[in-house]
Amino acid sequence: MDAEELRQMVRRARERLEEALDAGDRDTARRVCEELPKEYVQVHKGQRQHIASQMEYIERVFRVEQAALAARIATAVEEGRDDDARALLRERDRQHQILHDQLIDITAGLCRYAGTVFGDQRLEGMFRHSGERQRQGFEKWESLLTEDFVRASVHLLRSHMGNVTVVEDDEKFTITQDPCGTGGRLMREGAYERPDGPYTITTPQAMTFGKPNFPSYCAHCAVWNNILCIEWFGHPQWTIDHPATPNDPCRIHIYKSAKRIPERYYEQVRARGTGG
């Protein structure tokens, strides 16, 4: 290779294009323009695959370690070593909480990227894409008896390490998270108040339940459990009263009949359901 090729090899397309523009070299500038659409695509693909492979390994190790801890806890209980059992239970939760919160923070970071770089439409598109990839799970939920759907929902929500309570009345079950262990945690920690914190959706729209200045992480609940479910099934699976302030709880209602869902839960995502 000659010296000029070596010099150009290490320079990004922007640098080479600006140099060509400065020199009035339109032919070189046009050639560099052809490189622009794909320059960074491959490294993003590689990073995604790298993270996926690391997560695959971590998940496998996590399963092994959690099973081992469960066995040690059972032995401690059997042998009457209650203090040891409690310490092991705390370690079991700690292993989960560290990874759980890191993944939530990563997701919040992706929301910030999509919202600030590409705008709200692309952010909703990201949620729609991920929701569609999980559609089979929502369809399974739709096939459950209401009581079993409540059980599945509570299992998921309590695994997010928030504070969860459930009450039942004649028409619905109400799940209260005070706070939710994901979006609610971010709100109460003041994450959205930091200059480098998660993205806030300023404009009221469907994915903000019609509210202004909405925490972007929480918008996935509007898209997944409301907008997409209305499109797929004619009704939301979770009707949500999102907290007005970080100190308020988040409430999710699961109605025993979709026909009993109040119209306001359709209106807040600017959609109308078919009921039934």
C-alpha atoms as a PDB file:
ATOM      1  CA  MET A   1       0.000   0.000   0.000  1.00  0.00           C
ATOM      2  CA  ASP A   2       1.194   3.480  -0.731  1.00  0.00           C
ATOM      3  CA  ALA A   3       1.406   6.207   1.903  1.00  0.00           C
ATOM      4  CA  GLU A   4      -1.733   8.000   0.696  1.00  0.00           C
ATOM      5  CA  GLU A   5      -3.877   4.865   0.983  1.00  0.00           C
ATOM      6  CA  LEU A   6      -2.609   4.291   4.505  1.00  0.00           C
ATOM      7  CA  ARG A   7      -3.397   7.906   5.405  1.00  0.00           C
ATOM      8  CA  GLN A   8      -6.921   7.731   4.028  1.00  0.00           C
ATOM      9  CA  MET A   9      -7.628   4.272   5.492  1.00  0.00           C
ATOM     10  CA  VAL A  10      -7.868   5.520   9.058  1.00  0.00           C
ATOM     11  CA  ARG A  11     -10.098   8.501   8.289  1.00  0.00           C
ATOM     12  CA  ARG A  12     -13.858   8.399   8.598  1.00  0.00           C
ATOM     13  CA  ALA A  13     -16.010   9.298   5.621  1.00  0.00           C
ATOM     14  CA  ARG A  14     -16.906  12.692   7.102  1.00  0.00           C
ATOM     15  CA  GLU A  15     -13.234  13.678   7.306  1.00  0.00           C
ATOM     16  CA  ARG A  16     -12.512  12.550   3.742  1.00  0.00           C
ATOM     17  CA  LEU A  17     -15.637  14.223   2.398  1.00  0.00           C
ATOM     18  CA  GLU A  18     -14.866  17.513   4.124  1.00  0.00           C
ATOM     19  CA  GLU A  19     -11.314  17.402   2.779  1.00  0.00           C
ATOM     20  CA  ALA A  20     -12.631  16.802  -0.729  1.00  0.00           C
ATOM     21  CA  LEU A  21     -15.117  19.655  -0.383  1.00  0.00           C
ATOM     22  CA  ASP A  22     -12.376  21.969   0.870  1.00  0.00           C
ATOM     23  CA  ALA A  23     -10.256  21.033  -2.145  1.00  0.00           C
ATOM     24  CA  GLY A  24     -13.146  21.396  -4.581  1.00  0.00           C
ATOM     25  CA  ASP A  25     -12.662  17.745  -5.603  1.00  0.00           C
ATOM     26  CA  ARG A  26     -16.243  16.840  -6.599  1.00  0.00           C
ATOM     27  CA  ASP A  27     -15.389  13.413  -8.015  1.00  0.00           C
ATOM     28  CA  THR A  28     -13.847  12.263  -4.727  1.00  0.00           C
ATOM     29  CA  ALA A  29     -16.701  13.865  -2.796  1.00  0.00           C
ATOM     30  CA  ARG A  30     -19.262  11.903  -4.845  1.00  0.00           C
ATOM     31  CA  ARG A  31     -17.400   8.629  -4.265  1.00  0.00           C
ATOM     32  CA  VAL A  32     -17.288   9.240  -0.517  1.00  0.00           C
ATOM     33  CA  CYS A  33     -21.017  10.059  -0.499  1.00  0.00           C
ATOM     34  CA  GLU A  34     -21.675   6.526  -1.731  1.00  0.00           C
ATOM     35  CA  GLU A  35     -20.075   5.178   1.451  1.00  0.00           C
ATOM     36  CA  LEU A  36     -22.174   7.236   3.868  1.00  0.00           C
ATOM     37  CA  PRO A  37     -25.315   5.061   4.223  1.00  0.00           C
ATOM     38  CA  LYS A  38     -23.413   1.960   5.347  1.00  0.00           C
ATOM     39  CA  GLU A  39     -20.335   3.286   7.159  1.00  0.00           C
ATOM     40  CA  TYR A  40     -21.612   2.648  10.698  1.00  0.00           C
ATOM     41  CA  VAL A  41     -24.204  -0.068  10.061  1.00  0.00           C
ATOM     42  CA  GLN A  42     -21.881  -3.049  10.383  1.00  0.00           C
ATOM     43  CA  VAL A  43     -20.426  -2.018  13.727  1.00  0.00           C
ATOM     44  CA  HIS A  44     -23.920  -1.574  15.192  1.00  0.00           C
ATOM     45  CA  LYS A  45     -24.886  -5.028  13.970  1.00  0.00           C
ATOM     46  CA  GLY A  46     -21.724  -6.448  15.502  1.00  0.00           C
ATOM     47  CA  GLN A  47     -22.334  -4.699  18.824  1.00  0.00           C
ATOM     48  CA  ARG A  48     -25.896  -6.025  18.956  1.00  0.00           C
ATOM     49  CA  GLN A  49     -24.709  -9.568  18.299  1.00  0.00           C
ATOM     50  CA  HIS A  50     -21.946  -9.168  20.863  1.00  0.00           C
ATOM     51  CA  ILE A  51     -24.399  -8.017  23.536  1.00  0.00           C
ATOM     52  CA  ALA A  52     -26.807 -10.824  22.626  1.00  0.00           C
ATOM     53  CA  SER A  53     -24.077 -13.445  23.022  1.00  0.00           C
ATOM     54  CA  GLN A  54     -23.010 -11.993  26.373  1.00  0.00           C
ATOM     55  CA  MET A  55     -26.605 -11.963  27.591  1.00  0.00           C
ATOM     56  CA  GLU A  56     -27.050 -15.562  26.455  1.00  0.00           C
ATOM     57  CA  TYR A  57     -24.091 -16.566  28.612  1.00  0.00           C
ATOM     58  CA  ILE A  58     -25.163 -14.434  31.582  1.00  0.00           C
ATOM     59  CA  GLU A  59     -28.685 -15.863  31.457  1.00  0.00           C
ATOM     60  CA  ARG A  60     -27.294 -19.399  31.439  1.00  0.00           C
ATOM     61  CA  VAL A  61     -25.026 -18.682  34.408  1.00  0.00           C
ATOM     62  CA  PHE A  62     -27.849 -16.858  36.205  1.00  0.00           C
ATOM     63  CA  ARG A  63     -30.098 -19.914  35.907  1.00  0.00           C
ATOM     64  CA  VAL A  64     -27.372 -22.158  37.339  1.00  0.00           C
ATOM     65  CA  GLU A  65     -26.577 -19.806  40.227  1.00  0.00           C
ATOM     66  CA  GLN A  66     -30.231 -19.222  41.091  1.00  0.00           C
ATOM     67  CA  ALA A  67     -30.876 -22.967  41.153  1.00  0.00           C
ATOM     68  CA  ALA A  68     -27.853 -23.483  43.393  1.00  0.00           C
ATOM     69  CA  LEU A  69     -29.009 -20.744  45.764  1.00  0.00           C
ATOM     70  CA  ALA A  70     -32.506 -22.225  45.862  1.00  0.00           C
ATOM     71  CA  ALA A  71     -31.040 -25.599  46.838  1.00  0.00           C
ATOM     72  CA  ARG A  72     -28.906 -24.004  49.572  1.00  0.00           C
ATOM     73  CA  ILE A  73     -31.909 -22.104  50.902  1.00  0.00           C
ATOM     74  CA  ALA A  74     -33.982 -25.277  51.006  1.00  0.00           C
ATOM     75  CA  THR A  75     -31.199 -27.071  52.895  1.00  0.00           C
ATOM     76  CA  ALA A  76     -30.876 -24.208  55.383  1.00  0.00           C
ATOM     77  CA  VAL A  77     -34.635 -24.263  55.993  1.00  0.00           C
ATOM     78  CA  GLU A  78     -34.599 -28.033  56.454  1.00  0.00           C
ATOM     79  CA  GLU A  79     -31.753 -27.788  58.945  1.00  0.00           C
ATOM     80  CA  GLY A  80     -33.320 -24.920  60.873  1.00  0.00           C
ATOM     81  CA  ARG A  81     -30.630 -22.381  59.901  1.00  0.00           C
ATOM     82  CA  ASP A  82     -33.078 -19.536  59.476  1.00  0.00           C
ATOM     83  CA  ASP A  83     -30.504 -16.727  59.498  1.00  0.00           C
ATOM     84  CA  ASP A  84     -28.540 -18.459  56.752  1.00  0.00           C
ATOM     85  CA  ALA A  85     -31.723 -18.908  54.730  1.00  0.00           C
ATOM     86  CA  ARG A  86     -32.519 -15.208  55.048  1.00  0.00           C
ATOM     87  CA  ALA A  87     -28.994 -14.203  54.007  1.00  0.00           C
ATOM     88  CA  LEU A  88     -29.187 -16.493  50.976  1.00  0.00           C
ATOM     89  CA  LEU A  89     -32.574 -15.052  50.044  1.00  0.00           C
ATOM     90  CA  ARG A  90     -31.062 -11.564  50.083  1.00  0.00           C
ATOM     91  CA  GLU A  91     -28.213 -12.756  47.858  1.00  0.00           C
ATOM     92  CA  ARG A  92     -30.728 -14.340  45.480  1.00  0.00           C
ATOM     93  CA  ASP A  93     -32.580 -11.025  45.166  1.00  0.00           C
ATOM     94  CA  ARG A  94     -29.314  -9.097  44.807  1.00  0.00           C
ATOM     95  CA  GLN A  95     -28.181 -11.216  41.852  1.00  0.00           C
ATOM     96  CA  HIS A  96     -31.470 -10.489  40.125  1.00  0.00           C
ATOM     97  CA  GLN A  97     -31.792  -6.804  41.041  1.00  0.00           C
ATOM     98  CA  ILE A  98     -28.348  -5.794  39.737  1.00  0.00           C
ATOM     99  CA  LEU A  99     -28.934  -7.306  36.312  1.00  0.00           C
ATOM    100  CA  HIS A 100     -32.588  -6.267  36.190  1.00  0.00           C
ATOM    101  CA  ASP A 101     -31.823  -2.597  36.871  1.00  0.00           C
ATOM    102  CA  GLN A 102     -28.952  -2.525  34.382  1.00  0.00           C
ATOM    103  CA  LEU A 103     -31.246  -3.833  31.656  1.00  0.00           C
ATOM    104  CA  ILE A 104     -33.929  -1.287  32.524  1.00  0.00           C
ATOM    105  CA  ASP A 105     -31.315   1.484  32.376  1.00  0.00           C
ATOM    106  CA  ILE A 106     -30.131   0.212  28.975  1.00  0.00           C
ATOM    107  CA  THR A 107     -33.710   0.235  27.695  1.00  0.00           C
ATOM    108  CA  ALA A 108     -34.202   3.769  29.007  1.00  0.00           C
ATOM    109  CA  GLY A 109     -31.007   4.751  27.185  1.00  0.00           C
ATOM    110  CA  LEU A 110     -32.337   3.319  23.928  1.00  0.00           C
ATOM    111  CA  CYS A 111     -35.546   5.314  24.434  1.00  0.00           C
ATOM    112  CA  ARG A 112     -33.433   8.439  24.874  1.00  0.00           C
ATOM    113  CA  TYR A 113     -31.501   7.676  21.704  1.00  0.00           C
ATOM    114  CA  ALA A 114     -34.585   6.998  19.579  1.00  0.00           C
ATOM    115  CA  GLY A 115     -36.456  10.017  20.916  1.00  0.00           C
ATOM    116  CA  THR A 116     -33.697  12.605  20.833  1.00  0.00           C
ATOM    117  CA  VAL A 117     -32.039  11.502  17.586  1.00  0.00           C
ATOM    118  CA  PHE A 118     -34.995  10.360  15.477  1.00  0.00           C
ATOM    119  CA  GLY A 119     -38.064  11.819  17.196  1.00  0.00           C
ATOM    120  CA  ASP A 120     -41.249  10.584  18.825  1.00  0.00           C
ATOM    121  CA  GLN A 121     -42.564   8.765  15.766  1.00  0.00           C
ATOM    122  CA  ARG A 122     -39.471   6.562  15.641  1.00  0.00           C
ATOM    123  CA  LEU A 123     -39.659   6.021  19.391  1.00  0.00           C
ATOM    124  CA  GLU A 124     -43.208   4.735  19.045  1.00  0.00           C
ATOM    125  CA  GLY A 125     -41.982   2.673  16.109  1.00  0.00           C
ATOM    126  CA  MET A 126     -39.369   1.069  18.344  1.00  0.00           C
ATOM    127  CA  PHE A 127     -42.046   0.122  20.872  1.00  0.00           C
ATOM    128  CA  ARG A 128     -44.312  -1.177  18.127  1.00  0.00           C
ATOM    129  CA  HIS A 129     -41.484  -3.277  16.686  1.00  0.00           C
ATOM    130  CA  SER A 130     -40.643  -4.842  20.034  1.00  0.00           C
ATOM    131  CA  GLY A 131     -44.335  -5.369  20.802  1.00  0.00           C
ATOM    132  CA  GLU A 132     -44.905  -7.132  17.491  1.00  0.00           C
ATOM    133  CA  ARG A 133     -41.935  -9.381  18.208  1.00  0.00           C
ATOM    134  CA  GLN A 134     -43.713 -10.446  21.408  1.00  0.00           C
ATOM    135  CA  ARG A 135     -47.200 -10.723  19.940  1.00  0.00           C
ATOM    136  CA  GLN A 136     -47.390 -14.459  20.598  1.00  0.00           C
ATOM    137  CA  GLY A 137     -47.077 -13.763  24.314  1.00  0.00           C
ATOM    138  CA  PHE A 138     -49.903 -11.216  24.237  1.00  0.00           C
ATOM    139  CA  GLU A 139     -52.046 -13.696  22.306  1.00  0.00           C
ATOM    140  CA  LYS A 140     -51.381 -16.290  24.994  1.00  0.00           C
ATOM    141  CA  TRP A 141     -52.444 -13.790  27.645  1.00  0.00           C
ATOM    142  CA  GLU A 142     -55.602 -13.074  25.653  1.00  0.00           C
ATOM    143  CA  SER A 143     -56.548 -16.763  25.770  1.00  0.00           C
ATOM    144  CA  LEU A 144     -56.271 -17.010  29.566  1.00  0.00           C
ATOM    145  CA  LEU A 145     -59.116 -16.923  32.029  1.00  0.00           C
ATOM    146  CA  THR A 146     -59.177 -13.565  33.794  1.00  0.00           C
ATOM    147  CA  GLU A 147     -57.931 -15.030  37.075  1.00  0.00           C
ATOM    148  CA  ASP A 148     -55.001 -16.709  35.336  1.00  0.00           C
ATOM    149  CA  PHE A 149     -54.186 -13.504  33.473  1.00  0.00           C
ATOM    150  CA  VAL A 150     -54.102 -11.670  36.801  1.00  0.00           C
ATOM    151  CA  ARG A 151     -51.761 -14.314  38.210  1.00  0.00           C
ATOM    152  CA  ALA A 152     -49.454 -14.046  35.183  1.00  0.00           C
ATOM    153  CA  SER A 153     -49.486 -10.235  35.335  1.00  0.00           C
ATOM    154  CA  VAL A 154     -48.693 -10.121  39.044  1.00  0.00           C
ATOM    155  CA  HIS A 155     -45.872 -12.645  38.626  1.00  0.00           C
ATOM    156  CA  LEU A 156     -44.313 -10.426  35.947  1.00  0.00           C
ATOM    157  CA  LEU A 157     -44.750  -7.200  37.894  1.00  0.00           C
ATOM    158  CA  ARG A 158     -43.456  -8.500  41.209  1.00  0.00           C
ATOM    159  CA  SER A 159     -40.395  -9.863  39.383  1.00  0.00           C
ATOM    160  CA  HIS A 160     -39.603  -6.268  38.465  1.00  0.00           C
ATOM    161  CA  MET A 161     -38.933  -5.760  42.196  1.00  0.00           C
ATOM    162  CA  GLY A 162     -41.509  -3.068  42.851  1.00  0.00           C
ATOM    163  CA  ASN A 163     -44.056  -3.025  45.665  1.00  0.00           C
ATOM    164  CA  VAL A 164     -47.185  -4.757  44.378  1.00  0.00           C
ATOM    165  CA  THR A 165     -50.672  -5.188  45.868  1.00  0.00           C
ATOM    166  CA  VAL A 166     -53.851  -6.604  44.306  1.00  0.00           C
ATOM    167  CA  VAL A 167     -57.512  -6.054  45.141  1.00  0.00           C
ATOM    168  CA  GLU A 168     -60.688  -7.349  43.508  1.00  0.00           C
ATOM    169  CA  ASP A 169     -64.130  -5.847  43.100  1.00  0.00           C
ATOM    170  CA  ASP A 170     -67.184  -6.909  41.141  1.00  0.00           C
ATOM    171  CA  GLU A 171     -65.915  -5.752  37.756  1.00  0.00           C
ATOM    172  CA  LYS A 172     -62.127  -5.831  37.885  1.00  0.00           C
ATOM    173  CA  PHE A 173     -58.833  -6.553  39.587  1.00  0.00           C
ATOM    174  CA  THR A 174     -56.629  -3.580  40.454  1.00  0.00           C
ATOM    175  CA  ILE A 175     -52.874  -4.033  40.697  1.00  0.00           C
ATOM    176  CA  THR A 176     -51.108  -1.183  42.484  1.00  0.00           C
ATOM    177  CA  GLN A 177     -47.362  -0.651  42.156  1.00  0.00           C
ATOM    178  CA  ASP A 178     -45.924   1.788  44.664  1.00  0.00           C
ATOM    179  CA  PRO A 179     -43.565   2.173  42.970  1.00  0.00           C
ATOM    180  CA  CYS A 180     -43.351   0.150  39.785  1.00  0.00           C
ATOM    181  CA  GLY A 181     -39.925  -1.486  39.776  1.00  0.00           C
ATOM    182  CA  THR A 182     -39.039  -0.204  36.302  1.00  0.00           C
ATOM    183  CA  GLY A 183     -40.430   3.111  35.088  1.00  0.00           C
ATOM    184  CA  GLY A 184     -41.591   4.068  38.563  1.00  0.00           C
ATOM    185  CA  ARG A 185     -38.128   3.408  39.975  1.00  0.00           C
ATOM    186  CA  LEU A 186     -36.578   5.658  37.354  1.00  0.00           C
ATOM    187  CA  MET A 187     -39.052   8.423  38.183  1.00  0.00           C
ATOM    188  CA  ARG A 188     -38.518   8.208  41.938  1.00  0.00           C
ATOM    189  CA  GLU A 189     -34.759   8.138  41.559  1.00  0.00           C
ATOM    190  CA  GLY A 190     -34.982  11.452  39.703  1.00  0.00           C
ATOM    191  CA  ALA A 191     -33.534   9.962  36.523  1.00  0.00           C
ATOM    192  CA  TYR A 192     -35.575  12.261  34.292  1.00  0.00           C
ATOM    193  CA  GLU A 193     -34.302  15.317  36.144  1.00  0.00           C
ATOM    194  CA  ARG A 194     -30.676  14.644  35.181  1.00  0.00           C
ATOM    195  CA  PRO A 195     -29.280  16.412  32.094  1.00  0.00           C
ATOM    196  CA  ASP A 196     -28.138  13.043  30.745  1.00  0.00           C
ATOM    197  CA  GLY A 197     -31.209  11.207  31.998  1.00  0.00           C
ATOM    198  CA  PRO A 198     -33.924   9.382  30.041  1.00  0.00           C
ATOM    199  CA  TYR A 199     -35.880  11.170  27.343  1.00  0.00           C
ATOM    200  CA  THR A 200     -39.063  13.031  28.293  1.00  0.00           C
ATOM    201  CA  ILE A 201     -41.812  13.069  25.649  1.00  0.00           C
ATOM    202  CA  THR A 202     -43.014  16.657  25.763  1.00  0.00           C
ATOM    203  CA  THR A 203     -45.961  16.480  23.350  1.00  0.00           C
ATOM    204  CA  PRO A 204     -49.197  14.757  24.483  1.00  0.00           C
ATOM    205  CA  GLN A 205     -49.963  11.812  22.213  1.00  0.00           C
ATOM    206  CA  ALA A 206     -51.266   8.249  22.210  1.00  0.00           C
ATOM    207  CA  MET A 207     -48.124   6.701  23.694  1.00  0.00           C
ATOM    208  CA  THR A 208     -48.180   9.180  26.593  1.00  0.00           C
ATOM    209  CA  PHE A 209     -51.812   8.486  27.515  1.00  0.00           C
ATOM    210  CA  GLY A 210     -52.471  12.001  26.261  1.00  0.00           C
ATOM    211  CA  LYS A 211     -50.211  13.570  28.892  1.00  0.00           C
ATOM    212  CA  PRO A 212     -47.439  16.136  28.320  1.00  0.00           C
ATOM    213  CA  ASN A 213     -43.894  15.744  29.650  1.00  0.00           C
ATOM    214  CA  PHE A 214     -44.203  11.976  29.865  1.00  0.00           C
ATOM    215  CA  PRO A 215     -41.384   9.574  30.893  1.00  0.00           C
ATOM    216  CA  SER A 216     -40.359   7.741  27.745  1.00  0.00           C
ATOM    217  CA  TYR A 217     -39.695   4.385  29.397  1.00  0.00           C
ATOM    218  CA  CYS A 218     -43.328   4.217  30.556  1.00  0.00           C
ATOM    219  CA  ALA A 219     -44.593   4.804  27.019  1.00  0.00           C
ATOM    220  CA  HIS A 220     -44.048   1.154  26.146  1.00  0.00           C
ATOM    221  CA  CYS A 221     -46.993   0.242  28.404  1.00  0.00           C
ATOM    222  CA  ALA A 222     -49.238   2.549  26.399  1.00  0.00           C
ATOM    223  CA  VAL A 223     -48.027   1.026  23.123  1.00  0.00           C
ATOM    224  CA  TRP A 224     -47.826  -2.653  24.103  1.00  0.00           C
ATOM    225  CA  ASN A 225     -50.686  -3.137  26.534  1.00  0.00           C
ATOM    226  CA  ASN A 226     -53.069  -0.554  25.113  1.00  0.00           C
ATOM    227  CA  ILE A 227     -52.527   0.641  21.535  1.00  0.00           C
ATOM    228  CA  LEU A 228     -51.356  -2.673  20.076  1.00  0.00           C
ATOM    229  CA  CYS A 229     -53.814  -4.741  22.110  1.00  0.00           C
ATOM    230  CA  ILE A 230     -56.682  -2.546  20.932  1.00  0.00           C
ATOM    231  CA  GLU A 231     -55.501  -3.056  17.354  1.00  0.00           C
ATOM    232  CA  TRP A 232     -55.117  -6.815  17.822  1.00  0.00           C
ATOM    233  CA  PHE A 233     -57.962  -7.718  20.167  1.00  0.00           C
ATOM    234  CA  GLY A 234     -60.269  -4.707  20.232  1.00  0.00           C
ATOM    235  CA  HIS A 235     -59.495  -3.742  23.840  1.00  0.00           C
ATOM    236  CA  PRO A 236     -56.540  -2.998  26.141  1.00  0.00           C
ATOM    237  CA  GLN A 237     -55.315  -5.898  28.241  1.00  0.00           C
ATOM    238  CA  TRP A 238     -54.126  -3.619  31.032  1.00  0.00           C
ATOM    239  CA  THR A 239     -55.960  -0.366  31.625  1.00  0.00           C
ATOM    240  CA  ILE A 240     -53.483   1.960  33.252  1.00  0.00           C
ATOM    241  CA  ASP A 241     -53.700   4.961  35.553  1.00  0.00           C
ATOM    242  CA  HIS A 242     -50.177   6.281  35.157  1.00  0.00           C
ATOM    243  CA  PRO A 243     -48.855   8.209  38.199  1.00  0.00           C
ATOM    244  CA  ALA A 244     -49.320  11.958  37.988  1.00  0.00           C
ATOM    245  CA  THR A 245     -46.095  12.507  39.973  1.00  0.00           C
ATOM    246  CA  PRO A 246     -43.132  10.288  40.842  1.00  0.00           C
ATOM    247  CA  ASN A 247     -44.524   9.856  44.365  1.00  0.00           C
ATOM    248  CA  ASP A 248     -47.852   8.483  43.145  1.00  0.00           C
ATOM    249  CA  PRO A 249     -48.457   4.778  42.531  1.00  0.00           C
ATOM    250  CA  CYS A 250     -49.112   3.238  39.131  1.00  0.00           C
ATOM    251  CA  ARG A 251     -52.417   1.348  38.929  1.00  0.00           C
ATOM    252  CA  ILE A 252     -53.268  -1.353  36.413  1.00  0.00           C
ATOM    253  CA  HIS A 253     -56.845  -2.599  36.084  1.00  0.00           C
ATOM    254  CA  ILE A 254     -57.763  -5.948  34.565  1.00  0.00           C
ATOM    255  CA  TYR A 255     -61.465  -6.049  33.806  1.00  0.00           C
ATOM    256  CA  LYS A 256     -63.411  -9.291  34.052  1.00  0.00           C
ATOM    257  CA  SER A 257     -65.222  -8.363  30.854  1.00  0.00           C
ATOM    258  CA  ALA A 258     -63.750  -6.167  28.131  1.00  0.00           C
ATOM    259  CA  LYS A 259     -67.237  -4.716  27.642  1.00  0.00           C
ATOM    260  CA  ARG A 260     -66.977  -3.118  31.086  1.00  0.00           C
ATOM    261  CA  ILE A 261     -63.796  -1.188  30.312  1.00  0.00           C
ATOM    262  CA  PRO A 262     -64.597   2.545  30.638  1.00  0.00           C
ATOM    263  CA  GLU A 263     -64.318   4.586  27.482  1.00  0.00           C
ATOM    264  CA  ARG A 264     -61.716   6.863  29.069  1.00  0.00           C
ATOM    265  CA  TYR A 265     -59.104   4.098  28.765  1.00  0.00           C
ATOM    266  CA  TYR A 266     -59.627   4.069  25.022  1.00  0.00           C
ATOM    267  CA  GLU A 267     -59.715   7.836  24.839  1.00  0.00           C
ATOM    268  CA  GLN A 268     -56.379   8.253  26.608  1.00  0.00           C
ATOM    269  CA  VAL A 269     -54.652   6.394  23.791  1.00  0.00           C
ATOM    270  CA  ARG A 270     -56.906   8.009  21.181  1.00  0.00           C
ATOM    271  CA  ALA A 271     -58.494   4.767  20.131  1.00  0.00           C
ATOM    272  CA  ARG A 272     -61.886   3.166  20.409  1.00  0.00           C
ATOM    273  CA  GLY A 273     -62.337  -0.502  21.177  1.00  0.00           C
ATOM    274  CA  THR A 274     -64.836  -3.007  19.895  1.00  0.00           C
ATOM    275  CA  GLY A 275     -65.457  -4.578  23.287  1.00  0.00           C
ATOM    276  CA  GLY A 276     -66.224  -8.258  23.676  1.00  0.00           C
END
